[in-house]
PDB file of N, CA and C in Angstrom:
ATOM      1  N   MET A   1      26.699 190.229 -21.178  1.00  0.00           N
ATOM      2  CA  MET A   1      26.083 190.850 -22.564  1.00  0.00           C
ATOM      3  C   MET A   1      25.417 189.666 -23.591  1.00  0.00           C
ATOM      4  N   CYS A   2      23.969 190.327 -23.469  1.00  0.00           N
ATOM      5  CA  CYS A   2      22.841 189.262 -23.789  1.00  0.00           C
ATOM      6  C   CYS A   2      22.532 189.218 -25.426  1.00  0.00           C
ATOM      7  N   ILE A   3      22.683 188.442 -26.359  1.00  0.00           N
ATOM      8  CA  ILE A   3      22.274 188.778 -27.801  1.00  0.00           C
ATOM      9  C   ILE A   3      20.827 188.805 -27.780  1.00  0.00           C
ATOM     10  N   TYR A   4      20.180 189.661 -28.606  1.00  0.00           N
ATOM     11  CA  TYR A   4      18.737 189.552 -28.535  1.00  0.00           C
ATOM     12  C   TYR A   4      18.316 188.215 -29.289  1.00  0.00           C
ATOM     13  N   GLY A   5      17.038 187.999 -28.337  1.00  0.00           N
ATOM     14  CA  GLY A   5      16.740 186.636 -28.902  1.00  0.00           C
ATOM     15  C   GLY A   5      17.190 185.025 -28.677  1.00  0.00           C
ATOM     16  N   PHE A   6      18.268 185.279 -27.867  1.00  0.00           N
ATOM     17  CA  PHE A   6      19.422 183.709 -27.515  1.00  0.00           C
ATOM     18  C   PHE A   6      18.125 183.485 -26.197  1.00  0.00           C
ATOM     19  N   GLY A   7      17.524 183.927 -25.347  1.00  0.00           N
ATOM     20  CA  GLY A   7      16.608 182.816 -24.653  1.00  0.00           C
ATOM     21  C   GLY A   7      15.756 182.450 -25.140  1.00  0.00           C
ATOM     22  N   GLU A   8      14.710 183.837 -26.061  1.00  0.00           N
ATOM     23  CA  GLU A   8      13.993 183.000 -26.405  1.00  0.00           C
ATOM     24  C   GLU A   8      13.756 181.732 -27.626  1.00  0.00           C
ATOM     25  N   ARG A   9      15.202 181.658 -28.283  1.00  0.00           N
ATOM     26  CA  ARG A   9      15.164 180.882 -29.010  1.00  0.00           C
ATOM     27  C   ARG A   9      15.889 179.326 -28.555  1.00  0.00           C
ATOM     28  N   LEU A  10      16.361 179.246 -27.259  1.00  0.00           N
ATOM     29  CA  LEU A  10      16.620 178.568 -26.422  1.00  0.00           C
ATOM     30  C   LEU A  10      15.813 178.050 -25.740  1.00  0.00           C
ATOM     31  N   GLU A  11      14.916 178.586 -25.045  1.00  0.00           N
ATOM     32  CA  GLU A  11      13.318 178.069 -24.963  1.00  0.00           C
ATOM     33  C   GLU A  11      12.691 177.540 -25.688  1.00  0.00           C
ATOM     34  N   LYS A  12      12.697 178.277 -26.588  1.00  0.00           N
ATOM     35  CA  LYS A  12      11.824 177.234 -27.931  1.00  0.00           C
ATOM     36  C   LYS A  12      12.138 175.737 -27.961  1.00  0.00           C
ATOM     37  N   VAL A  13      13.519 175.465 -28.322  1.00  0.00           N
ATOM     38  CA  VAL A  13      13.834 174.909 -28.732  1.00  0.00           C
ATOM     39  C   VAL A  13      14.451 173.582 -27.585  1.00  0.00           C
ATOM     40  N   ILE A  14      14.229 174.484 -26.157  1.00  0.00           N
ATOM     41  CA  ILE A  14      13.983 173.033 -25.281  1.00  0.00           C
ATOM     42  C   ILE A  14      12.174 172.415 -24.904  1.00  0.00           C
ATOM     43  N   LYS A  15      11.546 173.537 -25.157  1.00  0.00           N
ATOM     44  CA  LYS A  15      10.237 172.846 -25.298  1.00  0.00           C
ATOM     45  C   LYS A  15       9.960 172.041 -26.427  1.00  0.00           C
ATOM     46  N   GLU A  16      10.191 172.121 -27.717  1.00  0.00           N
ATOM     47  CA  GLU A  16      10.190 171.527 -29.126  1.00  0.00           C
ATOM     48  C   GLU A  16      11.098 170.423 -28.505  1.00  0.00           C
ATOM     49  N   LYS A  17      12.397 170.031 -27.987  1.00  0.00           N
ATOM     50  CA  LYS A  17      13.071 168.461 -27.741  1.00  0.00           C
ATOM     51  C   LYS A  17      12.175 167.743 -26.255  1.00  0.00           C
ATOM     52  N   GLU A  18      10.964 169.156 -26.063  1.00  0.00           N
ATOM     53  CA  GLU A  18      10.523 168.315 -24.492  1.00  0.00           C
ATOM     54  C   GLU A  18      11.512 167.851 -23.730  1.00  0.00           C
ATOM     55  N   LEU A  19      12.287 168.802 -23.213  1.00  0.00           N
ATOM     56  CA  LEU A  19      13.648 168.829 -21.926  1.00  0.00           C
ATOM     57  C   LEU A  19      12.946 169.554 -20.776  1.00  0.00           C
ATOM     58  N   SER A  20      13.069 169.058 -19.776  1.00  0.00           N
ATOM     59  CA  SER A  20      12.968 169.989 -18.377  1.00  0.00           C
ATOM     60  C   SER A  20      14.141 170.716 -18.483  1.00  0.00           C
ATOM     61  N   HIS A  21      14.694 172.087 -17.988  1.00  0.00           N
ATOM     62  CA  HIS A  21      15.773 172.752 -17.698  1.00  0.00           C
ATOM     63  C   HIS A  21      16.902 171.908 -17.067  1.00  0.00           C
ATOM     64  N   ALA A  22      16.137 170.876 -16.121  1.00  0.00           N
ATOM     65  CA  ALA A  22      16.977 170.399 -14.841  1.00  0.00           C
ATOM     66  C   ALA A  22      17.724 168.966 -15.963  1.00  0.00           C
ATOM     67  N   GLU A  23      16.575 168.419 -17.021  1.00  0.00           N
ATOM     68  CA  GLU A  23      17.250 167.433 -17.783  1.00  0.00           C
ATOM     69  C   GLU A  23      18.732 167.808 -18.435  1.00  0.00           C
ATOM     70  N   LEU A  24      18.126 169.256 -19.101  1.00  0.00           N
ATOM     71  CA  LEU A  24      19.053 169.228 -20.016  1.00  0.00           C
ATOM     72  C   LEU A  24      20.552 169.951 -19.341  1.00  0.00           C
ATOM     73  N   ALA A  25      20.312 170.660 -17.934  1.00  0.00           N
ATOM     74  CA  ALA A  25      21.443 171.039 -17.090  1.00  0.00           C
ATOM     75  C   ALA A  25      22.486 169.734 -17.226  1.00  0.00           C
ATOM     76  N   ARG A  26      21.360 168.839 -16.575  1.00  0.00           N
ATOM     77  CA  ARG A  26      22.268 167.403 -16.101  1.00  0.00           C
ATOM     78  C   ARG A  26      23.161 166.971 -17.334  1.00  0.00           C
ATOM     79  N   LYS A  27      22.462 167.204 -18.537  1.00  0.00           N
ATOM     80  CA  LYS A  27      23.647 166.670 -19.933  1.00  0.00           C
ATOM     81  C   LYS A  27      24.370 167.995 -20.070  1.00  0.00           C
ATOM     82  N   LEU A  28      24.400 169.239 -19.383  1.00  0.00           N
ATOM     83  CA  LEU A  28      25.612 169.880 -19.855  1.00  0.00           C
ATOM     84  C   LEU A  28      26.397 169.687 -18.780  1.00  0.00           C
ATOM     85  N   LYS A  29      25.898 169.028 -17.664  1.00  0.00           N
ATOM     86  CA  LYS A  29      26.656 168.694 -16.329  1.00  0.00           C
ATOM     87  C   LYS A  29      27.151 170.508 -15.889  1.00  0.00           C
ATOM     88  N   VAL A  30      25.675 171.358 -16.127  1.00  0.00           N
ATOM     89  CA  VAL A  30      25.555 172.498 -14.880  1.00  0.00           C
ATOM     90  C   VAL A  30      24.465 171.943 -14.084  1.00  0.00           C
ATOM     91  N   ARG A  31      24.519 173.630 -13.476  1.00  0.00           N
ATOM     92  CA  ARG A  31      23.109 173.419 -12.357  1.00  0.00           C
ATOM     93  C   ARG A  31      21.852 174.054 -13.482  1.00  0.00           C
ATOM     94  N   PRO A  32      21.156 173.688 -12.927  1.00  0.00           N
ATOM     95  CA  PRO A  32      19.774 173.833 -13.655  1.00  0.00           C
ATOM     96  C   PRO A  32      19.452 175.337 -13.404  1.00  0.00           C
ATOM     97  N   ALA A  33      20.064 176.410 -12.841  1.00  0.00           N
ATOM     98  CA  ALA A  33      19.968 177.582 -12.701  1.00  0.00           C
ATOM     99  C   ALA A  33      20.581 178.580 -13.897  1.00  0.00           C
ATOM    100  N   VAL A  34      21.663 178.336 -14.093  1.00  0.00           N
ATOM    101  CA  VAL A  34      22.585 178.211 -15.342  1.00  0.00           C
ATOM    102  C   VAL A  34      21.248 178.208 -16.655  1.00  0.00           C
ATOM    103  N   ILE A  35      20.814 177.486 -16.729  1.00  0.00           N
ATOM    104  CA  ILE A  35      20.119 177.052 -17.961  1.00  0.00           C
ATOM    105  C   ILE A  35      18.810 178.488 -17.793  1.00  0.00           C
ATOM    106  N   ASN A  36      18.545 178.516 -16.548  1.00  0.00           N
ATOM    107  CA  ASN A  36      18.060 179.821 -16.388  1.00  0.00           C
ATOM    108  C   ASN A  36      18.281 181.040 -16.866  1.00  0.00           C
ATOM    109  N   ASN A  37      19.068 180.943 -16.673  1.00  0.00           N
ATOM    110  CA  ASN A  37      19.683 182.459 -16.521  1.00  0.00           C
ATOM    111  C   ASN A  37      20.598 182.406 -17.716  1.00  0.00           C
ATOM    112  N   TYR A  38      20.825 181.569 -18.632  1.00  0.00           N
ATOM    113  CA  TYR A  38      20.647 181.996 -20.151  1.00  0.00           C
ATOM    114  C   TYR A  38      19.722 182.134 -20.252  1.00  0.00           C
ATOM    115  N   ILE A  39      18.417 182.031 -20.353  1.00  0.00           N
ATOM    116  CA  ILE A  39      17.117 181.777 -20.965  1.00  0.00           C
ATOM    117  C   ILE A  39      16.512 183.582 -20.419  1.00  0.00           C
ATOM    118  N   ASP A  40      16.885 183.932 -19.390  1.00  0.00           N
ATOM    119  CA  ASP A  40      16.253 185.358 -19.233  1.00  0.00           C
ATOM    120  C   ASP A  40      17.248 186.187 -19.443  1.00  0.00           C
ATOM    121  N   GLY A  41      18.520 185.918 -19.718  1.00  0.00           N
ATOM    122  CA  GLY A  41      19.614 186.531 -20.568  1.00  0.00           C
ATOM    123  C   GLY A  41      20.502 187.461 -19.375  1.00  0.00           C
ATOM    124  N   THR A  42      20.712 186.949 -17.838  1.00  0.00           N
ATOM    125  CA  THR A  42      21.366 187.078 -17.353  1.00  0.00           C
ATOM    126  C   THR A  42      22.810 186.873 -17.876  1.00  0.00           C
ATOM    127  N   PHE A  43      23.261 185.670 -18.269  1.00  0.00           N
ATOM    128  CA  PHE A  43      24.335 185.640 -18.793  1.00  0.00           C
ATOM    129  C   PHE A  43      24.727 184.306 -20.217  1.00  0.00           C
ATOM    130  N   MET A  44      25.050 184.977 -20.655  1.00  0.00           N
ATOM    131  CA  MET A  44      25.471 183.951 -21.726  1.00  0.00           C
ATOM    132  C   MET A  44      26.343 183.014 -21.584  1.00  0.00           C
ATOM    133  N   PRO A  45      26.209 181.532 -21.890  1.00  0.00           N
ATOM    134  CA  PRO A  45      27.411 180.456 -22.021  1.00  0.00           C
ATOM    135  C   PRO A  45      28.570 180.742 -22.758  1.00  0.00           C
ATOM    136  N   SER A  46      29.697 180.212 -22.478  1.00  0.00           N
ATOM    137  CA  SER A  46      31.135 180.526 -22.382  1.00  0.00           C
ATOM    138  C   SER A  46      31.190 179.941 -24.009  1.00  0.00           C
ATOM    139  N   THR A  47      32.284 180.042 -24.145  1.00  0.00           N
ATOM    140  CA  THR A  47      32.424 179.266 -26.302  1.00  0.00           C
ATOM    141  C   THR A  47      31.875 177.743 -25.595  1.00  0.00           C
ATOM    142  N   PRO A  48      32.751 177.242 -24.920  1.00  0.00           N
ATOM    143  CA  PRO A  48      32.805 175.719 -24.673  1.00  0.00           C
ATOM    144  C   PRO A  48      31.426 175.174 -24.293  1.00  0.00           C
ATOM    145  N   ASN A  49      30.641 176.113 -23.409  1.00  0.00           N
ATOM    146  CA  ASN A  49      29.478 175.774 -23.191  1.00  0.00           C
ATOM    147  C   ASN A  49      28.255 176.039 -24.242  1.00  0.00           C
ATOM    148  N   LEU A  50      28.704 176.664 -25.265  1.00  0.00           N
ATOM    149  CA  LEU A  50      27.118 176.866 -26.074  1.00  0.00           C
ATOM    150  C   LEU A  50      27.764 176.094 -26.814  1.00  0.00           C
ATOM    151  N   ALA A  51      28.771 175.497 -27.239  1.00  0.00           N
ATOM    152  CA  ALA A  51      29.201 174.325 -28.274  1.00  0.00           C
ATOM    153  C   ALA A  51      28.661 173.012 -27.733  1.00  0.00           C
ATOM    154  N   ARG A  52      28.594 172.662 -26.829  1.00  0.00           N
ATOM    155  CA  ARG A  52      28.027 171.883 -25.526  1.00  0.00           C
ATOM    156  C   ARG A  52      26.336 171.682 -25.796  1.00  0.00           C
ATOM    157  N   LEU A  53      26.207 172.475 -25.549  1.00  0.00           N
ATOM    158  CA  LEU A  53      24.314 173.460 -26.005  1.00  0.00           C
ATOM    159  C   LEU A  53      24.284 173.143 -26.838  1.00  0.00           C
ATOM    160  N   CYS A  54      24.721 173.271 -27.992  1.00  0.00           N
ATOM    161  CA  CYS A  54      24.486 173.178 -29.495  1.00  0.00           C
ATOM    162  C   CYS A  54      24.079 171.722 -29.648  1.00  0.00           C
ATOM    163  N   LYS A  55      24.959 171.063 -29.573  1.00  0.00           N
ATOM    164  CA  LYS A  55      25.521 169.440 -29.905  1.00  0.00           C
ATOM    165  C   LYS A  55      24.706 168.551 -29.138  1.00  0.00           C
ATOM    166  N   VAL A  56      24.008 168.805 -27.510  1.00  0.00           N
ATOM    167  CA  VAL A  56      22.995 168.195 -26.940  1.00  0.00           C
ATOM    168  C   VAL A  56      21.586 168.206 -27.755  1.00  0.00           C
ATOM    169  N   LEU A  57      21.567 169.650 -28.136  1.00  0.00           N
ATOM    170  CA  LEU A  57      20.067 170.102 -28.819  1.00  0.00           C
ATOM    171  C   LEU A  57      20.435 169.800 -30.214  1.00  0.00           C
ATOM    172  N   ASN A  58      21.443 169.621 -30.962  1.00  0.00           N
ATOM    173  CA  ASN A  58      21.504 169.520 -32.228  1.00  0.00           C
ATOM    174  C   ASN A  58      20.573 170.371 -33.243  1.00  0.00           C
ATOM    175  N   ILE A  59      21.186 171.701 -32.525  1.00  0.00           N
ATOM    176  CA  ILE A  59      21.012 172.946 -32.974  1.00  0.00           C
ATOM    177  C   ILE A  59      22.137 174.000 -33.666  1.00  0.00           C
ATOM    178  N   SER A  60      21.998 174.950 -34.486  1.00  0.00           N
ATOM    179  CA  SER A  60      22.912 175.869 -34.947  1.00  0.00           C
ATOM    180  C   SER A  60      23.449 176.525 -33.934  1.00  0.00           C
ATOM    181  N   SER A  61      24.779 177.066 -33.646  1.00  0.00           N
ATOM    182  CA  SER A  61      24.995 178.087 -32.570  1.00  0.00           C
ATOM    183  C   SER A  61      24.644 178.950 -33.444  1.00  0.00           C
ATOM    184  N   ASP A  62      24.850 179.110 -34.831  1.00  0.00           N
ATOM    185  CA  ASP A  62      24.250 180.624 -35.108  1.00  0.00           C
ATOM    186  C   ASP A  62      22.765 180.660 -35.279  1.00  0.00           C
ATOM    187  N   TRP A  63      22.429 180.194 -35.212  1.00  0.00           N
ATOM    188  CA  TRP A  63      20.673 180.200 -35.098  1.00  0.00           C
ATOM    189  C   TRP A  63      20.744 180.465 -33.745  1.00  0.00           C
ATOM    190  N   LEU A  64      20.995 179.580 -32.738  1.00  0.00           N
ATOM    191  CA  LEU A  64      20.614 180.153 -30.989  1.00  0.00           C
ATOM    192  C   LEU A  64      21.387 181.683 -31.224  1.00  0.00           C
ATOM    193  N   LEU A  65      22.296 181.862 -31.501  1.00  0.00           N
ATOM    194  CA  LEU A  65      23.056 183.867 -31.679  1.00  0.00           C
ATOM    195  C   LEU A  65      21.904 184.173 -32.434  1.00  0.00           C
ATOM    196  N   GLY A  66      21.421 183.919 -33.237  1.00  0.00           N
ATOM    197  CA  GLY A  66      20.257 184.905 -33.817  1.00  0.00           C
ATOM    198  C   GLY A  66      21.400 185.167 -35.169  1.00  0.00           C
ATOM    199  N   LEU A  67      21.796 184.784 -35.472  1.00  0.00           N
ATOM    200  CA  LEU A  67      22.718 184.939 -37.170  1.00  0.00           C
ATOM    201  C   LEU A  67      22.086 184.642 -38.511  1.00  0.00           C
ATOM    202  N   THR A  68      21.114 183.534 -38.217  1.00  0.00           N
ATOM    203  CA  THR A  68      20.916 182.985 -39.335  1.00  0.00           C
ATOM    204  C   THR A  68      19.376 182.391 -38.728  1.00  0.00           C
ATOM    205  N   ASN A  69      18.446 182.048 -39.873  1.00  0.00           N
ATOM    206  CA  ASN A  69      17.278 181.600 -39.794  1.00  0.00           C
ATOM    207  C   ASN A  69      17.446 179.844 -39.831  1.00  0.00           C
ATOM    208  N   ASP A  70      18.718 179.517 -40.119  1.00  0.00           N
ATOM    209  CA  ASP A  70      18.478 177.864 -40.519  1.00  0.00           C
ATOM    210  C   ASP A  70      18.777 176.871 -39.168  1.00  0.00           C
ATOM    211  N   TYR A  71      18.156 176.546 -38.529  1.00  0.00           N
ATOM    212  CA  TYR A  71      17.609 176.170 -37.432  1.00  0.00           C
ATOM    213  C   TYR A  71      19.076 175.011 -37.063  1.00  0.00           C
ATOM    214  N   LYS A  72      18.780 173.804 -38.027  1.00  0.00           N
ATOM    215  CA  LYS A  72      20.055 172.599 -37.925  1.00  0.00           C
ATOM    216  C   LYS A  72      21.156 172.892 -37.744  1.00  0.00           C
ATOM    217  N   GLU A  73      21.794 172.220 -37.284  1.00  0.00           N
ATOM    218  CA  GLU A  73      23.412 171.906 -37.240  1.00  0.00           C
ATOM    219  C   GLU A  73      23.839 171.376 -38.513  1.00  0.00           C
ATOM    220  N   ARG A  74      24.663 171.893 -38.878  1.00  0.00           N
ATOM    221  CA  ARG A  74      25.563 171.514 -40.304  1.00  0.00           C
ATOM    222  C   ARG A  74      26.291 170.922 -40.371  1.00  0.00           C
ATOM    223  N   LYS A  75      26.308 169.671 -40.720  1.00  0.00           N
ATOM    224  CA  LYS A  75      27.792 169.169 -40.718  1.00  0.00           C
ATOM    225  C   LYS A  75      28.665 169.482 -42.096  1.00  0.00           C
ATOM    226  N   SER A  76      30.349 170.073 -41.716  1.00  0.00           N
ATOM    227  CA  SER A  76      30.987 169.942 -42.533  1.00  0.00           C
ATOM    228  C   SER A  76      30.801 168.794 -43.797  1.00  0.00           C
ATOM    229  N   LYS A  77      31.753 169.619 -44.734  1.00  0.00           N
ATOM    230  CA  LYS A  77      31.986 168.100 -46.341  1.00  0.00           C
ATOM    231  C   LYS A  77      32.867 167.549 -45.682  1.00  0.00           C
ATOM    232  N   ASN A  78      34.075 168.171 -44.914  1.00  0.00           N
ATOM    233  CA  ASN A  78      35.040 167.105 -44.118  1.00  0.00           C
ATOM    234  C   ASN A  78      34.658 165.860 -43.617  1.00  0.00           C
ATOM    235  N   GLY A  79      33.281 166.287 -42.556  1.00  0.00           N
ATOM    236  CA  GLY A  79      33.150 165.664 -41.342  1.00  0.00           C
ATOM    237  C   GLY A  79      32.102 165.296 -41.272  1.00  0.00           C
TER     238      GLY A  79
END
């Protein structure tokens, strides 16, 4: 299942961070083809991979999933 806009948002932030797909894949410890599959909508990341992806890119999972237009990851008040 592909969430509408996920691939486009991911591609946008990768370009803004000036990362190659290979660099991002290396940081996530996945093959570069996995990043391409996320972008083209072939498949979605697992929950742990989504969390790592957002942490590496310093973005909100809600934004990446299209649930909000708030781009940045929010820090909780407790942490």
